[in-house]
Amino acid sequence: MMEQNLTRREARENAFLAAFSATFHPDDPQPAMLNQPESAEHPLDAFSMRILRDMQAHGEEIDALISENLKGWTLSRVPRVSLVAMRVALAEMLYGEEKKPGVAINEAVELVKKYGDEKDYQFVNGLLGTVARKQGSAPDETC
């Protein structure tokens, strides 16, 4: 297997697409999400895989963060594209090495603009911005 050289944007989008397709296999999302690194159309590089593994490992915390910031909504009412984009962004913001919440939020907004309904990106931007502010968006203290 040759390591793909993807831009961060491509890597995020491919991670999003893998995670989105996995939502159609709720009984066994792991293989659907992680077993397609060689997919020719949407290859997953090390950065993509890291996002997906962090999403998988911290899924409950990520969904809890989303839920507690939904105003008058439940997780089940959030459009699937928006939900997956927020999960990808939060996995990167909270557990990724780079700690660049602004970049992760912007990329999630772009994904929702591309794949979601017309106004969904505003909701995603607002919720992720709220989470980032509550988290303090401080650089990782462990460095």
N, C-alpha and C. Protein backbone atom coordinates (compact mmCIF):
# COMPACT_ATOMS: atom_id res chain seq x y z
N MET A 1 0.85 -1.19 0.00
CA MET A 1 0.00 0.00 0.00
C MET A 1 0.88 1.25 0.00
N MET A 2 0.65 2.11 -0.93
CA MET A 2 1.41 3.36 -0.97
C MET A 2 0.70 4.43 -0.18
N GLU A 3 1.44 5.14 0.63
CA GLU A 3 0.85 6.24 1.41
C GLU A 3 0.43 7.36 0.46
N GLN A 4 -0.80 7.76 0.59
CA GLN A 4 -1.31 8.83 -0.25
C GLN A 4 -0.81 10.17 0.29
N ASN A 5 -0.50 11.07 -0.61
CA ASN A 5 -0.17 12.43 -0.21
C ASN A 5 -1.39 13.30 -0.48
N LEU A 6 -2.15 13.53 0.55
CA LEU A 6 -3.37 14.32 0.44
C LEU A 6 -3.16 15.66 1.11
N THR A 7 -3.85 16.67 0.61
CA THR A 7 -3.88 17.92 1.35
C THR A 7 -4.72 17.68 2.60
N ARG A 8 -4.58 18.54 3.60
CA ARG A 8 -5.40 18.41 4.80
C ARG A 8 -6.88 18.47 4.44
N ARG A 9 -7.22 19.34 3.51
CA ARG A 9 -8.63 19.47 3.10
C ARG A 9 -9.14 18.15 2.50
N GLU A 10 -8.34 17.56 1.60
CA GLU A 10 -8.74 16.27 1.00
C GLU A 10 -8.84 15.19 2.07
N ALA A 11 -7.88 15.18 3.00
CA ALA A 11 -7.88 14.18 4.06
C ALA A 11 -9.13 14.31 4.93
N ARG A 12 -9.49 15.55 5.28
CA ARG A 12 -10.69 15.77 6.09
C ARG A 12 -11.94 15.35 5.33
N GLU A 13 -11.99 15.72 4.05
CA GLU A 13 -13.17 15.37 3.25
C GLU A 13 -13.30 13.85 3.11
N ASN A 14 -12.20 13.17 2.89
CA ASN A 14 -12.25 11.71 2.76
C ASN A 14 -12.62 11.06 4.08
N ALA A 15 -12.14 11.61 5.20
CA ALA A 15 -12.54 11.10 6.51
C ALA A 15 -14.04 11.32 6.71
N PHE A 16 -14.52 12.50 6.33
CA PHE A 16 -15.95 12.80 6.42
C PHE A 16 -16.76 11.80 5.59
N LEU A 17 -16.33 11.55 4.36
CA LEU A 17 -17.08 10.64 3.49
C LEU A 17 -17.08 9.22 4.05
N ALA A 18 -15.95 8.78 4.60
CA ALA A 18 -15.90 7.45 5.21
C ALA A 18 -16.82 7.37 6.43
N ALA A 19 -16.78 8.41 7.26
CA ALA A 19 -17.63 8.44 8.46
C ALA A 19 -19.10 8.52 8.07
N PHE A 20 -19.40 9.31 7.03
CA PHE A 20 -20.78 9.43 6.57
C PHE A 20 -21.29 8.08 6.07
N SER A 21 -20.49 7.39 5.27
CA SER A 21 -20.94 6.08 4.76
C SER A 21 -21.12 5.10 5.91
N ALA A 22 -20.32 5.23 6.95
CA ALA A 22 -20.44 4.32 8.10
C ALA A 22 -21.76 4.52 8.85
N THR A 23 -22.37 5.70 8.73
CA THR A 23 -23.64 5.92 9.44
C THR A 23 -24.75 5.06 8.85
N PHE A 24 -24.52 4.50 7.67
CA PHE A 24 -25.51 3.62 7.07
C PHE A 24 -25.32 2.17 7.52
N HIS A 25 -24.31 1.95 8.37
CA HIS A 25 -24.02 0.62 8.94
C HIS A 25 -23.94 0.75 10.46
N PRO A 26 -25.03 1.17 11.12
CA PRO A 26 -24.94 1.47 12.55
C PRO A 26 -24.59 0.27 13.41
N ASP A 27 -24.88 -0.95 12.92
CA ASP A 27 -24.57 -2.13 13.73
C ASP A 27 -23.08 -2.42 13.75
N ASP A 28 -22.38 -1.99 12.71
CA ASP A 28 -20.95 -2.28 12.62
C ASP A 28 -20.22 -1.18 11.86
N PRO A 29 -20.16 0.04 12.43
CA PRO A 29 -19.56 1.16 11.69
C PRO A 29 -18.05 1.05 11.53
N GLN A 30 -17.39 0.38 12.45
CA GLN A 30 -15.92 0.33 12.43
C GLN A 30 -15.37 -0.15 11.08
N PRO A 31 -15.78 -1.33 10.61
CA PRO A 31 -15.21 -1.78 9.32
C PRO A 31 -15.57 -0.83 8.18
N ALA A 32 -16.79 -0.34 8.17
CA ALA A 32 -17.19 0.56 7.09
C ALA A 32 -16.32 1.81 7.08
N MET A 33 -15.94 2.25 8.28
CA MET A 33 -15.20 3.50 8.37
C MET A 33 -13.71 3.30 8.12
N LEU A 34 -13.14 2.27 8.71
CA LEU A 34 -11.68 2.17 8.71
C LEU A 34 -11.09 1.21 7.68
N ASN A 35 -11.92 0.43 7.02
CA ASN A 35 -11.38 -0.57 6.12
C ASN A 35 -11.35 -0.14 4.67
N GLN A 36 -11.27 1.13 4.43
CA GLN A 36 -11.20 1.54 3.03
C GLN A 36 -10.04 2.48 2.74
N PRO A 37 -8.88 2.28 3.40
CA PRO A 37 -7.78 3.20 3.12
C PRO A 37 -7.32 3.15 1.68
N GLU A 38 -7.54 2.04 0.99
CA GLU A 38 -7.07 1.97 -0.38
C GLU A 38 -8.13 2.38 -1.39
N SER A 39 -9.27 2.82 -0.90
CA SER A 39 -10.33 3.26 -1.81
C SER A 39 -9.74 4.25 -2.80
N ALA A 40 -9.84 3.91 -4.07
CA ALA A 40 -9.19 4.72 -5.09
C ALA A 40 -9.79 6.13 -5.17
N GLU A 41 -11.10 6.20 -5.00
CA GLU A 41 -11.76 7.48 -5.18
C GLU A 41 -11.56 8.41 -3.98
N HIS A 42 -11.59 7.85 -2.79
CA HIS A 42 -11.47 8.66 -1.57
C HIS A 42 -10.47 8.00 -0.62
N PRO A 43 -9.19 8.03 -0.96
CA PRO A 43 -8.19 7.35 -0.11
C PRO A 43 -8.06 8.03 1.25
N LEU A 44 -7.70 7.23 2.24
CA LEU A 44 -7.48 7.74 3.58
C LEU A 44 -5.99 7.72 3.88
N ASP A 45 -5.45 8.87 4.27
CA ASP A 45 -4.04 8.92 4.66
C ASP A 45 -3.96 8.85 6.19
N ALA A 46 -2.76 9.03 6.72
CA ALA A 46 -2.58 8.93 8.17
C ALA A 46 -3.42 9.97 8.92
N PHE A 47 -3.54 11.17 8.37
CA PHE A 47 -4.34 12.23 9.01
C PHE A 47 -5.82 11.85 9.02
N SER A 48 -6.33 11.34 7.89
CA SER A 48 -7.72 10.90 7.82
C SER A 48 -7.98 9.80 8.83
N MET A 49 -7.08 8.82 8.87
CA MET A 49 -7.26 7.68 9.78
C MET A 49 -7.23 8.14 11.23
N ARG A 50 -6.39 9.10 11.54
CA ARG A 50 -6.32 9.62 12.91
C ARG A 50 -7.65 10.25 13.30
N ILE A 51 -8.23 11.05 12.42
CA ILE A 51 -9.53 11.66 12.69
C ILE A 51 -10.58 10.57 12.93
N LEU A 52 -10.60 9.57 12.06
CA LEU A 52 -11.60 8.50 12.18
C LEU A 52 -11.41 7.70 13.47
N ARG A 53 -10.17 7.41 13.81
CA ARG A 53 -9.91 6.67 15.05
C ARG A 53 -10.31 7.50 16.27
N ASP A 54 -10.01 8.81 16.25
CA ASP A 54 -10.41 9.68 17.35
C ASP A 54 -11.94 9.78 17.45
N MET A 55 -12.60 9.85 16.31
CA MET A 55 -14.07 9.87 16.30
C MET A 55 -14.63 8.61 16.93
N GLN A 56 -14.04 7.48 16.55
CA GLN A 56 -14.49 6.18 17.05
C GLN A 56 -14.23 6.07 18.56
N ALA A 57 -13.03 6.43 18.97
CA ALA A 57 -12.64 6.27 20.37
C ALA A 57 -13.39 7.22 21.30
N HIS A 58 -13.75 8.39 20.82
CA HIS A 58 -14.35 9.43 21.67
C HIS A 58 -15.77 9.78 21.22
N GLY A 59 -16.41 8.86 20.52
CA GLY A 59 -17.73 9.13 19.96
C GLY A 59 -18.76 9.59 20.98
N GLU A 60 -18.77 8.94 22.15
CA GLU A 60 -19.76 9.32 23.16
C GLU A 60 -19.52 10.73 23.68
N GLU A 61 -18.26 11.07 23.95
CA GLU A 61 -17.96 12.43 24.43
C GLU A 61 -18.30 13.47 23.36
N ILE A 62 -17.97 13.16 22.11
CA ILE A 62 -18.24 14.09 21.01
C ILE A 62 -19.75 14.32 20.88
N ASP A 63 -20.52 13.22 20.88
CA ASP A 63 -21.97 13.36 20.76
C ASP A 63 -22.57 14.08 21.98
N ALA A 64 -22.00 13.85 23.16
CA ALA A 64 -22.48 14.54 24.36
C ALA A 64 -22.25 16.05 24.24
N LEU A 65 -21.08 16.43 23.73
CA LEU A 65 -20.78 17.85 23.52
C LEU A 65 -21.74 18.48 22.52
N ILE A 66 -22.02 17.77 21.45
CA ILE A 66 -22.97 18.29 20.46
C ILE A 66 -24.34 18.43 21.11
N SER A 67 -24.78 17.38 21.80
CA SER A 67 -26.12 17.38 22.43
C SER A 67 -26.30 18.53 23.40
N GLU A 68 -25.28 18.76 24.24
CA GLU A 68 -25.46 19.79 25.27
C GLU A 68 -25.44 21.20 24.69
N ASN A 69 -25.07 21.33 23.42
CA ASN A 69 -25.07 22.65 22.78
C ASN A 69 -26.19 22.81 21.75
N LEU A 70 -27.06 21.83 21.66
CA LEU A 70 -28.22 21.94 20.78
C LEU A 70 -29.31 22.68 21.53
N LYS A 71 -29.82 23.73 20.94
CA LYS A 71 -30.87 24.51 21.59
C LYS A 71 -32.22 24.06 21.07
N GLY A 72 -32.96 23.31 21.90
CA GLY A 72 -34.27 22.87 21.50
C GLY A 72 -34.27 21.77 20.45
N TRP A 73 -33.15 21.12 20.26
CA TRP A 73 -33.03 20.04 19.29
C TRP A 73 -32.54 18.79 20.00
N THR A 74 -32.72 17.67 19.34
CA THR A 74 -32.10 16.42 19.80
C THR A 74 -31.13 15.98 18.72
N LEU A 75 -30.18 15.15 19.12
CA LEU A 75 -29.18 14.65 18.18
C LEU A 75 -29.84 13.98 16.98
N SER A 76 -30.94 13.28 17.21
CA SER A 76 -31.60 12.56 16.12
C SER A 76 -32.23 13.49 15.08
N ARG A 77 -32.45 14.75 15.44
CA ARG A 77 -33.03 15.70 14.49
C ARG A 77 -31.97 16.43 13.65
N VAL A 78 -30.73 16.33 14.04
CA VAL A 78 -29.66 17.01 13.30
C VAL A 78 -29.45 16.28 11.97
N PRO A 79 -29.43 17.01 10.86
CA PRO A 79 -29.19 16.35 9.56
C PRO A 79 -27.89 15.55 9.58
N ARG A 80 -27.92 14.40 8.95
CA ARG A 80 -26.78 13.46 8.99
C ARG A 80 -25.49 14.12 8.51
N VAL A 81 -25.56 14.89 7.42
CA VAL A 81 -24.35 15.55 6.91
C VAL A 81 -23.78 16.49 7.97
N SER A 82 -24.64 17.28 8.58
CA SER A 82 -24.18 18.24 9.60
C SER A 82 -23.59 17.51 10.80
N LEU A 83 -24.26 16.45 11.23
CA LEU A 83 -23.79 15.70 12.40
C LEU A 83 -22.41 15.10 12.15
N VAL A 84 -22.23 14.47 11.00
CA VAL A 84 -20.94 13.86 10.70
C VAL A 84 -19.85 14.92 10.56
N ALA A 85 -20.18 16.04 9.92
CA ALA A 85 -19.19 17.12 9.77
C ALA A 85 -18.77 17.65 11.15
N MET A 86 -19.73 17.79 12.06
CA MET A 86 -19.40 18.26 13.41
C MET A 86 -18.57 17.23 14.17
N ARG A 87 -18.89 15.96 14.00
CA ARG A 87 -18.10 14.91 14.66
C ARG A 87 -16.66 14.93 14.17
N VAL A 88 -16.46 15.07 12.86
CA VAL A 88 -15.11 15.13 12.29
C VAL A 88 -14.36 16.34 12.86
N ALA A 89 -15.03 17.50 12.85
CA ALA A 89 -14.38 18.72 13.35
C ALA A 89 -14.04 18.61 14.83
N LEU A 90 -14.95 18.08 15.63
CA LEU A 90 -14.69 17.97 17.07
C LEU A 90 -13.60 16.94 17.36
N ALA A 91 -13.56 15.86 16.59
CA ALA A 91 -12.47 14.89 16.78
C ALA A 91 -11.12 15.56 16.55
N GLU A 92 -11.07 16.38 15.51
CA GLU A 92 -9.82 17.08 15.21
C GLU A 92 -9.53 18.17 16.25
N MET A 93 -10.55 18.94 16.61
CA MET A 93 -10.37 20.06 17.56
C MET A 93 -9.94 19.56 18.93
N LEU A 94 -10.55 18.49 19.40
CA LEU A 94 -10.36 18.05 20.78
C LEU A 94 -9.24 17.04 20.94
N TYR A 95 -9.02 16.21 19.93
CA TYR A 95 -8.08 15.09 20.10
C TYR A 95 -6.93 15.12 19.10
N GLY A 96 -7.02 15.96 18.08
CA GLY A 96 -5.95 16.03 17.09
C GLY A 96 -4.71 16.70 17.66
N GLU A 97 -3.61 16.54 16.97
CA GLU A 97 -2.34 17.08 17.45
C GLU A 97 -2.19 18.57 17.17
N GLU A 98 -2.88 19.06 16.14
CA GLU A 98 -2.60 20.42 15.69
C GLU A 98 -3.30 21.50 16.50
N LYS A 99 -4.44 21.18 17.08
CA LYS A 99 -5.19 22.14 17.92
C LYS A 99 -5.42 23.47 17.19
N LYS A 100 -6.04 23.37 16.03
CA LYS A 100 -6.41 24.56 15.26
C LYS A 100 -7.92 24.57 15.08
N PRO A 101 -8.67 24.96 16.12
CA PRO A 101 -10.13 24.88 16.04
C PRO A 101 -10.71 25.69 14.89
N GLY A 102 -10.13 26.85 14.60
CA GLY A 102 -10.65 27.68 13.52
C GLY A 102 -10.61 26.96 12.18
N VAL A 103 -9.52 26.23 11.94
CA VAL A 103 -9.37 25.48 10.69
C VAL A 103 -10.40 24.35 10.65
N ALA A 104 -10.52 23.61 11.75
CA ALA A 104 -11.46 22.49 11.79
C ALA A 104 -12.90 22.97 11.58
N ILE A 105 -13.25 24.09 12.20
CA ILE A 105 -14.60 24.64 12.05
C ILE A 105 -14.83 25.07 10.60
N ASN A 106 -13.88 25.80 10.03
CA ASN A 106 -14.01 26.26 8.65
C ASN A 106 -14.16 25.09 7.69
N GLU A 107 -13.38 24.05 7.90
CA GLU A 107 -13.46 22.88 7.02
C GLU A 107 -14.82 22.18 7.15
N ALA A 108 -15.35 22.09 8.38
CA ALA A 108 -16.67 21.48 8.58
C ALA A 108 -17.74 22.29 7.86
N VAL A 109 -17.64 23.62 7.96
CA VAL A 109 -18.59 24.51 7.28
C VAL A 109 -18.53 24.27 5.76
N GLU A 110 -17.32 24.16 5.22
CA GLU A 110 -17.17 23.93 3.78
C GLU A 110 -17.76 22.58 3.37
N LEU A 111 -17.56 21.56 4.19
CA LEU A 111 -18.14 20.24 3.89
C LEU A 111 -19.66 20.30 3.87
N VAL A 112 -20.24 21.01 4.84
CA VAL A 112 -21.70 21.10 4.91
C VAL A 112 -22.24 21.93 3.75
N LYS A 113 -21.50 22.98 3.36
CA LYS A 113 -21.92 23.75 2.18
C LYS A 113 -21.93 22.86 0.95
N LYS A 114 -20.96 21.96 0.85
CA LYS A 114 -20.82 21.11 -0.33
C LYS A 114 -21.84 19.96 -0.33
N TYR A 115 -22.06 19.34 0.83
CA TYR A 115 -22.86 18.12 0.89
C TYR A 115 -24.21 18.28 1.58
N GLY A 116 -24.41 19.36 2.32
CA GLY A 116 -25.63 19.50 3.11
C GLY A 116 -26.65 20.42 2.47
N ASP A 117 -27.68 20.73 3.24
CA ASP A 117 -28.71 21.65 2.76
C ASP A 117 -28.19 23.08 2.85
N GLU A 118 -28.87 23.97 2.18
CA GLU A 118 -28.40 25.32 1.94
C GLU A 118 -27.98 26.09 3.19
N LYS A 119 -28.78 26.04 4.24
CA LYS A 119 -28.49 26.87 5.41
C LYS A 119 -27.88 26.09 6.58
N ASP A 120 -27.65 24.80 6.40
CA ASP A 120 -27.14 23.97 7.49
C ASP A 120 -25.77 24.43 7.99
N TYR A 121 -24.97 25.00 7.10
CA TYR A 121 -23.61 25.39 7.49
C TYR A 121 -23.63 26.43 8.62
N GLN A 122 -24.65 27.28 8.64
CA GLN A 122 -24.72 28.31 9.69
C GLN A 122 -24.90 27.66 11.07
N PHE A 123 -25.74 26.64 11.11
CA PHE A 123 -25.97 25.88 12.34
C PHE A 123 -24.67 25.22 12.81
N VAL A 124 -23.99 24.57 11.87
CA VAL A 124 -22.74 23.87 12.19
C VAL A 124 -21.69 24.86 12.69
N ASN A 125 -21.56 25.99 12.00
CA ASN A 125 -20.60 27.01 12.39
C ASN A 125 -20.90 27.52 13.81
N GLY A 126 -22.16 27.79 14.07
CA GLY A 126 -22.55 28.31 15.39
C GLY A 126 -22.28 27.32 16.50
N LEU A 127 -22.67 26.06 16.29
CA LEU A 127 -22.49 25.06 17.35
C LEU A 127 -21.00 24.80 17.60
N LEU A 128 -20.22 24.64 16.54
CA LEU A 128 -18.79 24.38 16.73
C LEU A 128 -18.09 25.58 17.36
N GLY A 129 -18.51 26.79 16.97
CA GLY A 129 -17.94 27.99 17.57
C GLY A 129 -18.22 28.06 19.06
N THR A 130 -19.44 27.70 19.44
CA THR A 130 -19.82 27.67 20.86
C THR A 130 -18.96 26.67 21.63
N VAL A 131 -18.80 25.47 21.07
CA VAL A 131 -17.98 24.44 21.74
C VAL A 131 -16.54 24.94 21.87
N ALA A 132 -16.00 25.54 20.81
CA ALA A 132 -14.61 26.02 20.84
C ALA A 132 -14.44 27.07 21.93
N ARG A 133 -15.41 28.01 22.03
CA ARG A 133 -15.32 29.04 23.07
C ARG A 133 -15.40 28.42 24.46
N LYS A 134 -16.30 27.47 24.66
CA LYS A 134 -16.43 26.81 25.96
C LYS A 134 -15.17 26.03 26.32
N GLN A 135 -14.52 25.48 25.30
CA GLN A 135 -13.29 24.71 25.54
C GLN A 135 -12.09 25.65 25.79
N GLY A 136 -12.30 26.93 25.54
CA GLY A 136 -11.23 27.89 25.73
C GLY A 136 -10.29 27.98 24.55
N SER A 137 -10.45 27.07 23.59
CA SER A 137 -9.60 27.03 22.40
C SER A 137 -8.13 27.30 22.73
N ALA A 138 -7.70 26.87 23.89
CA ALA A 138 -6.31 27.08 24.29
C ALA A 138 -5.43 26.06 23.59
N PRO A 139 -4.20 26.44 23.32
CA PRO A 139 -3.27 25.45 22.76
C PRO A 139 -3.10 24.30 23.75
N ASP A 140 -2.74 23.17 23.23
CA ASP A 140 -2.59 21.98 24.06
C ASP A 140 -1.49 22.18 25.11
N GLU A 141 -1.87 22.08 26.36
CA GLU A 141 -0.90 22.32 27.44
C GLU A 141 0.12 21.21 27.59
N THR A 142 -0.13 20.05 26.96
CA THR A 142 0.78 18.93 27.16
C THR A 142 2.06 19.07 26.34
N CYS A 143 2.12 20.05 25.46
CA CYS A 143 3.30 20.20 24.61
C CYS A 143 4.49 20.69 25.41
